[in-house]
Amino acid sequence: MERPRHPRDRQAAPTVPVTVSYELTDLGLSLHHITRGLTNWAQTHMAEVLANRENDDSRTS
């Protein structure tokens, strides 16, 4: 049985210092729409999140 692939592929080059590059596999790329949605939500609601955090900090100080 073959081991499942990881969401990223790692390639190391024999240089000094060692050069390592990473690339998303198809498995990793399948998460793109989910992470894009989370990023969009965070950007849309960041002001509200920060305001709530500041409000919570002021109540506990």
PDB file of N, CA and C in Angstrom:
ATOM      1  N   MET A   1       0.853  -1.175   0.000  1.00  0.00           N
ATOM      2  CA  MET A   1       0.000   0.000   0.000  1.00  0.00           C
ATOM      3  C   MET A   1       0.902   1.241   0.000  1.00  0.00           C
ATOM      4  N   GLU A   2       0.574   2.191  -0.839  1.00  0.00           N
ATOM      5  CA  GLU A   2       1.360   3.413  -0.928  1.00  0.00           C
ATOM      6  C   GLU A   2       0.941   4.417   0.137  1.00  0.00           C
ATOM      7  N   ARG A   3       1.907   5.064   0.712  1.00  0.00           N
ATOM      8  CA  ARG A   3       1.650   6.081   1.730  1.00  0.00           C
ATOM      9  C   ARG A   3       1.011   7.313   1.084  1.00  0.00           C
ATOM     10  N   PRO A   4      -0.005   7.936   1.728  1.00  0.00           N
ATOM     11  CA  PRO A   4      -0.648   9.113   1.145  1.00  0.00           C
ATOM     12  C   PRO A   4       0.343  10.262   0.991  1.00  0.00           C
ATOM     13  N   ARG A   5       0.143  11.080  -0.014  1.00  0.00           N
ATOM     14  CA  ARG A   5       1.012  12.234  -0.240  1.00  0.00           C
ATOM     15  C   ARG A   5       0.665  13.359   0.721  1.00  0.00           C
ATOM     16  N   HIS A   6       1.644  14.144   1.012  1.00  0.00           N
ATOM     17  CA  HIS A   6       1.469  15.307   1.876  1.00  0.00           C
ATOM     18  C   HIS A   6       0.922  16.475   1.062  1.00  0.00           C
ATOM     19  N   PRO A   7       0.395  17.516   1.747  1.00  0.00           N
ATOM     20  CA  PRO A   7      -0.126  18.674   1.027  1.00  0.00           C
ATOM     21  C   PRO A   7       0.968  19.524   0.390  1.00  0.00           C
ATOM     22  N   ARG A   8       2.223  19.218   0.683  1.00  0.00           N
ATOM     23  CA  ARG A   8       3.314  19.967   0.070  1.00  0.00           C
ATOM     24  C   ARG A   8       4.424  18.999  -0.339  1.00  0.00           C
ATOM     25  N   ASP A   9       5.201  19.415  -1.340  1.00  0.00           N
ATOM     26  CA  ASP A   9       6.313  18.623  -1.833  1.00  0.00           C
ATOM     27  C   ASP A   9       7.590  19.373  -1.491  1.00  0.00           C
ATOM     28  N   ARG A  10       8.596  18.680  -0.979  1.00  0.00           N
ATOM     29  CA  ARG A  10       9.849  19.311  -0.560  1.00  0.00           C
ATOM     30  C   ARG A  10      10.968  18.837  -1.472  1.00  0.00           C
ATOM     31  N   GLN A  11      11.732  19.781  -1.993  1.00  0.00           N
ATOM     32  CA  GLN A  11      12.881  19.476  -2.840  1.00  0.00           C
ATOM     33  C   GLN A  11      14.116  20.141  -2.228  1.00  0.00           C
ATOM     34  N   ALA A  12      15.173  19.367  -2.003  1.00  0.00           N
ATOM     35  CA  ALA A  12      16.423  19.910  -1.468  1.00  0.00           C
ATOM     36  C   ALA A  12      17.492  19.834  -2.546  1.00  0.00           C
ATOM     37  N   ALA A  13      18.245  20.924  -2.684  1.00  0.00           N
ATOM     38  CA  ALA A  13      19.334  20.976  -3.658  1.00  0.00           C
ATOM     39  C   ALA A  13      20.664  20.923  -2.909  1.00  0.00           C
ATOM     40  N   PRO A  14      21.633  20.173  -3.431  1.00  0.00           N
ATOM     41  CA  PRO A  14      22.921  20.020  -2.734  1.00  0.00           C
ATOM     42  C   PRO A  14      23.814  21.246  -2.911  1.00  0.00           C
ATOM     43  N   THR A  15      23.428  22.346  -2.295  1.00  0.00           N
ATOM     44  CA  THR A  15      24.204  23.570  -2.341  1.00  0.00           C
ATOM     45  C   THR A  15      24.688  23.903  -0.943  1.00  0.00           C
ATOM     46  N   VAL A  16      25.570  24.867  -0.820  1.00  0.00           N
ATOM     47  CA  VAL A  16      26.045  25.306   0.488  1.00  0.00           C
ATOM     48  C   VAL A  16      25.684  26.769   0.636  1.00  0.00           C
ATOM     49  N   PRO A  17      24.803  27.134   1.572  1.00  0.00           N
ATOM     50  CA  PRO A  17      23.993  26.230   2.380  1.00  0.00           C
ATOM     51  C   PRO A  17      22.940  25.523   1.523  1.00  0.00           C
ATOM     52  N   VAL A  18      22.356  24.492   2.088  1.00  0.00           N
ATOM     53  CA  VAL A  18      21.357  23.703   1.372  1.00  0.00           C
ATOM     54  C   VAL A  18      20.178  24.582   0.976  1.00  0.00           C
ATOM     55  N   THR A  19      19.748  24.457  -0.259  1.00  0.00           N
ATOM     56  CA  THR A  19      18.575  25.179  -0.750  1.00  0.00           C
ATOM     57  C   THR A  19      17.388  24.228  -0.716  1.00  0.00           C
ATOM     58  N   VAL A  20      16.307  24.662  -0.087  1.00  0.00           N
ATOM     59  CA  VAL A  20      15.104  23.835   0.004  1.00  0.00           C
ATOM     60  C   VAL A  20      13.945  24.632  -0.566  1.00  0.00           C
ATOM     61  N   SER A  21      13.166  24.015  -1.431  1.00  0.00           N
ATOM     62  CA  SER A  21      11.977  24.674  -1.962  1.00  0.00           C
ATOM     63  C   SER A  21      10.768  23.794  -1.703  1.00  0.00           C
ATOM     64  N   TYR A  22       9.640  24.439  -1.523  1.00  0.00           N
ATOM     65  CA  TYR A  22       8.390  23.737  -1.251  1.00  0.00           C
ATOM     66  C   TYR A  22       7.371  24.119  -2.303  1.00  0.00           C
ATOM     67  N   GLU A  23       6.513  23.188  -2.632  1.00  0.00           N
ATOM     68  CA  GLU A  23       5.452  23.424  -3.602  1.00  0.00           C
ATOM     69  C   GLU A  23       4.228  22.638  -3.153  1.00  0.00           C
ATOM     70  N   LEU A  24       3.057  23.243  -3.292  1.00  0.00           N
ATOM     71  CA  LEU A  24       1.836  22.534  -2.923  1.00  0.00           C
ATOM     72  C   LEU A  24       1.559  21.413  -3.914  1.00  0.00           C
ATOM     73  N   THR A  25       1.137  20.287  -3.371  1.00  0.00           N
ATOM     74  CA  THR A  25       0.693  19.179  -4.210  1.00  0.00           C
ATOM     75  C   THR A  25      -0.781  19.412  -4.556  1.00  0.00           C
ATOM     76  N   ASP A  26      -1.354  18.535  -5.360  1.00  0.00           N
ATOM     77  CA  ASP A  26      -2.786  18.639  -5.668  1.00  0.00           C
ATOM     78  C   ASP A  26      -3.614  18.571  -4.384  1.00  0.00           C
ATOM     79  N   LEU A  27      -3.166  17.776  -3.426  1.00  0.00           N
ATOM     80  CA  LEU A  27      -3.870  17.675  -2.143  1.00  0.00           C
ATOM     81  C   LEU A  27      -3.855  19.019  -1.428  1.00  0.00           C
ATOM     82  N   GLY A  28      -2.698  19.659  -1.381  1.00  0.00           N
ATOM     83  CA  GLY A  28      -2.604  20.975  -0.754  1.00  0.00           C
ATOM     84  C   GLY A  28      -3.396  22.027  -1.502  1.00  0.00           C
ATOM     85  N   LEU A  29      -3.338  21.979  -2.827  1.00  0.00           N
ATOM     86  CA  LEU A  29      -4.082  22.940  -3.638  1.00  0.00           C
ATOM     87  C   LEU A  29      -5.590  22.800  -3.453  1.00  0.00           C
ATOM     88  N   SER A  30      -6.048  21.609  -3.069  1.00  0.00           N
ATOM     89  CA  SER A  30      -7.484  21.408  -2.871  1.00  0.00           C
ATOM     90  C   SER A  30      -8.005  22.208  -1.678  1.00  0.00           C
ATOM     91  N   LEU A  31      -7.115  22.697  -0.821  1.00  0.00           N
ATOM     92  CA  LEU A  31      -7.516  23.527   0.320  1.00  0.00           C
ATOM     93  C   LEU A  31      -7.588  25.012  -0.024  1.00  0.00           C
ATOM     94  N   HIS A  32      -7.198  25.378  -1.225  1.00  0.00           N
ATOM     95  CA  HIS A  32      -7.100  26.781  -1.603  1.00  0.00           C
ATOM     96  C   HIS A  32      -8.413  27.541  -1.383  1.00  0.00           C
ATOM     97  N   HIS A  33      -9.529  26.986  -1.830  1.00  0.00           N
ATOM     98  CA  HIS A  33     -10.800  27.718  -1.693  1.00  0.00           C
ATOM     99  C   HIS A  33     -11.187  27.895  -0.226  1.00  0.00           C
ATOM    100  N   ILE A  34     -10.811  26.963   0.622  1.00  0.00           N
ATOM    101  CA  ILE A  34     -11.117  27.079   2.052  1.00  0.00           C
ATOM    102  C   ILE A  34     -10.269  28.174   2.688  1.00  0.00           C
ATOM    103  N   THR A  35      -8.964  28.163   2.414  1.00  0.00           N
ATOM    104  CA  THR A  35      -8.099  29.179   3.003  1.00  0.00           C
ATOM    105  C   THR A  35      -8.396  30.558   2.427  1.00  0.00           C
ATOM    106  N   ARG A  36      -8.796  30.626   1.164  1.00  0.00           N
ATOM    107  CA  ARG A  36      -9.175  31.906   0.559  1.00  0.00           C
ATOM    108  C   ARG A  36     -10.412  32.463   1.264  1.00  0.00           C
ATOM    109  N   GLY A  37     -11.379  31.602   1.555  1.00  0.00           N
ATOM    110  CA  GLY A  37     -12.577  32.040   2.268  1.00  0.00           C
ATOM    111  C   GLY A  37     -12.257  32.552   3.662  1.00  0.00           C
ATOM    112  N   LEU A  38     -11.369  31.868   4.365  1.00  0.00           N
ATOM    113  CA  LEU A  38     -10.965  32.303   5.703  1.00  0.00           C
ATOM    114  C   LEU A  38     -10.236  33.645   5.634  1.00  0.00           C
ATOM    115  N   THR A  39      -9.363  33.806   4.652  1.00  0.00           N
ATOM    116  CA  THR A  39      -8.653  35.074   4.468  1.00  0.00           C
ATOM    117  C   THR A  39      -9.629  36.208   4.195  1.00  0.00           C
ATOM    118  N   ASN A  40     -10.583  35.976   3.313  1.00  0.00           N
ATOM    119  CA  ASN A  40     -11.581  37.004   2.994  1.00  0.00           C
ATOM    120  C   ASN A  40     -12.400  37.384   4.216  1.00  0.00           C
ATOM    121  N   TRP A  41     -12.798  36.378   5.009  1.00  0.00           N
ATOM    122  CA  TRP A  41     -13.566  36.652   6.225  1.00  0.00           C
ATOM    123  C   TRP A  41     -12.740  37.508   7.178  1.00  0.00           C
ATOM    124  N   ALA A  42     -11.474  37.146   7.381  1.00  0.00           N
ATOM    125  CA  ALA A  42     -10.617  37.885   8.303  1.00  0.00           C
ATOM    126  C   ALA A  42     -10.438  39.331   7.848  1.00  0.00           C
ATOM    127  N   GLN A  43     -10.234  39.537   6.557  1.00  0.00           N
ATOM    128  CA  GLN A  43     -10.071  40.894   6.053  1.00  0.00           C
ATOM    129  C   GLN A  43     -11.358  41.706   6.219  1.00  0.00           C
ATOM    130  N   THR A  44     -12.485  41.084   5.986  1.00  0.00           N
ATOM    131  CA  THR A  44     -13.772  41.767   6.113  1.00  0.00           C
ATOM    132  C   THR A  44     -14.065  42.154   7.558  1.00  0.00           C
ATOM    133  N   HIS A  45     -13.710  41.309   8.507  1.00  0.00           N
ATOM    134  CA  HIS A  45     -14.101  41.491   9.910  1.00  0.00           C
ATOM    135  C   HIS A  45     -12.969  41.948  10.827  1.00  0.00           C
ATOM    136  N   MET A  46     -11.793  42.276  10.263  1.00  0.00           N
ATOM    137  CA  MET A  46     -10.641  42.601  11.111  1.00  0.00           C
ATOM    138  C   MET A  46     -10.908  43.779  12.038  1.00  0.00           C
ATOM    139  N   ALA A  47     -11.543  44.839  11.557  1.00  0.00           N
ATOM    140  CA  ALA A  47     -11.815  46.001  12.413  1.00  0.00           C
ATOM    141  C   ALA A  47     -12.691  45.599  13.596  1.00  0.00           C
ATOM    142  N   GLU A  48     -13.692  44.782  13.355  1.00  0.00           N
ATOM    143  CA  GLU A  48     -14.581  44.331  14.430  1.00  0.00           C
ATOM    144  C   GLU A  48     -13.834  43.440  15.422  1.00  0.00           C
ATOM    145  N   VAL A  49     -12.997  42.552  14.925  1.00  0.00           N
ATOM    146  CA  VAL A  49     -12.215  41.674  15.795  1.00  0.00           C
ATOM    147  C   VAL A  49     -11.288  42.500  16.689  1.00  0.00           C
ATOM    148  N   LEU A  50     -10.587  43.458  16.079  1.00  0.00           N
ATOM    149  CA  LEU A  50      -9.668  44.295  16.858  1.00  0.00           C
ATOM    150  C   LEU A  50     -10.410  45.148  17.882  1.00  0.00           C
ATOM    151  N   ALA A  51     -11.570  45.681  17.515  1.00  0.00           N
ATOM    152  CA  ALA A  51     -12.358  46.479  18.458  1.00  0.00           C
ATOM    153  C   ALA A  51     -12.812  45.624  19.640  1.00  0.00           C
ATOM    154  N   ASN A  52     -13.270  44.413  19.350  1.00  0.00           N
ATOM    155  CA  ASN A  52     -13.692  43.513  20.436  1.00  0.00           C
ATOM    156  C   ASN A  52     -12.519  43.133  21.326  1.00  0.00           C
ATOM    157  N   ARG A  53     -11.349  42.909  20.724  1.00  0.00           N
ATOM    158  CA  ARG A  53     -10.164  42.575  21.511  1.00  0.00           C
ATOM    159  C   ARG A  53      -9.791  43.739  22.427  1.00  0.00           C
ATOM    160  N   GLU A  54      -9.821  44.956  21.879  1.00  0.00           N
ATOM    161  CA  GLU A  54      -9.502  46.137  22.681  1.00  0.00           C
ATOM    162  C   GLU A  54     -10.516  46.300  23.809  1.00  0.00           C
ATOM    163  N   ASN A  55     -11.798  46.086  23.519  1.00  0.00           N
ATOM    164  CA  ASN A  55     -12.842  46.177  24.542  1.00  0.00           C
ATOM    165  C   ASN A  55     -12.614  45.141  25.635  1.00  0.00           C
ATOM    166  N   ASP A  56     -12.281  43.916  25.267  1.00  0.00           N
ATOM    167  CA  ASP A  56     -12.017  42.864  26.261  1.00  0.00           C
ATOM    168  C   ASP A  56     -10.792  43.220  27.091  1.00  0.00           C
ATOM    169  N   ASP A  57      -9.737  43.752  26.458  1.00  0.00           N
ATOM    170  CA  ASP A  57      -8.521  44.111  27.179  1.00  0.00           C
ATOM    171  C   ASP A  57      -8.794  45.211  28.186  1.00  0.00           C
ATOM    172  N   SER A  58      -9.632  46.176  27.822  1.00  0.00           N
ATOM    173  CA  SER A  58      -9.910  47.292  28.736  1.00  0.00           C
ATOM    174  C   SER A  58     -10.749  46.850  29.931  1.00  0.00           C
ATOM    175  N   ARG A  59     -11.561  45.808  29.759  1.00  0.00           N
ATOM    176  CA  ARG A  59     -12.383  45.322  30.867  1.00  0.00           C
ATOM    177  C   ARG A  59     -11.565  44.482  31.841  1.00  0.00           C
ATOM    178  N   THR A  60     -10.492  43.857  31.386  1.00  0.00           N
ATOM    179  CA  THR A  60      -9.699  42.994  32.268  1.00  0.00           C
ATOM    180  C   THR A  60      -8.504  43.710  32.876  1.00  0.00           C
ATOM    181  N   SER A  61      -8.277  44.978  32.479  1.00  0.00           N
ATOM    182  CA  SER A  61      -7.129  45.722  33.028  1.00  0.00           C
ATOM    183  C   SER A  61      -7.468  46.374  34.335  1.00  0.00           C
TER     184      SER A  61
END
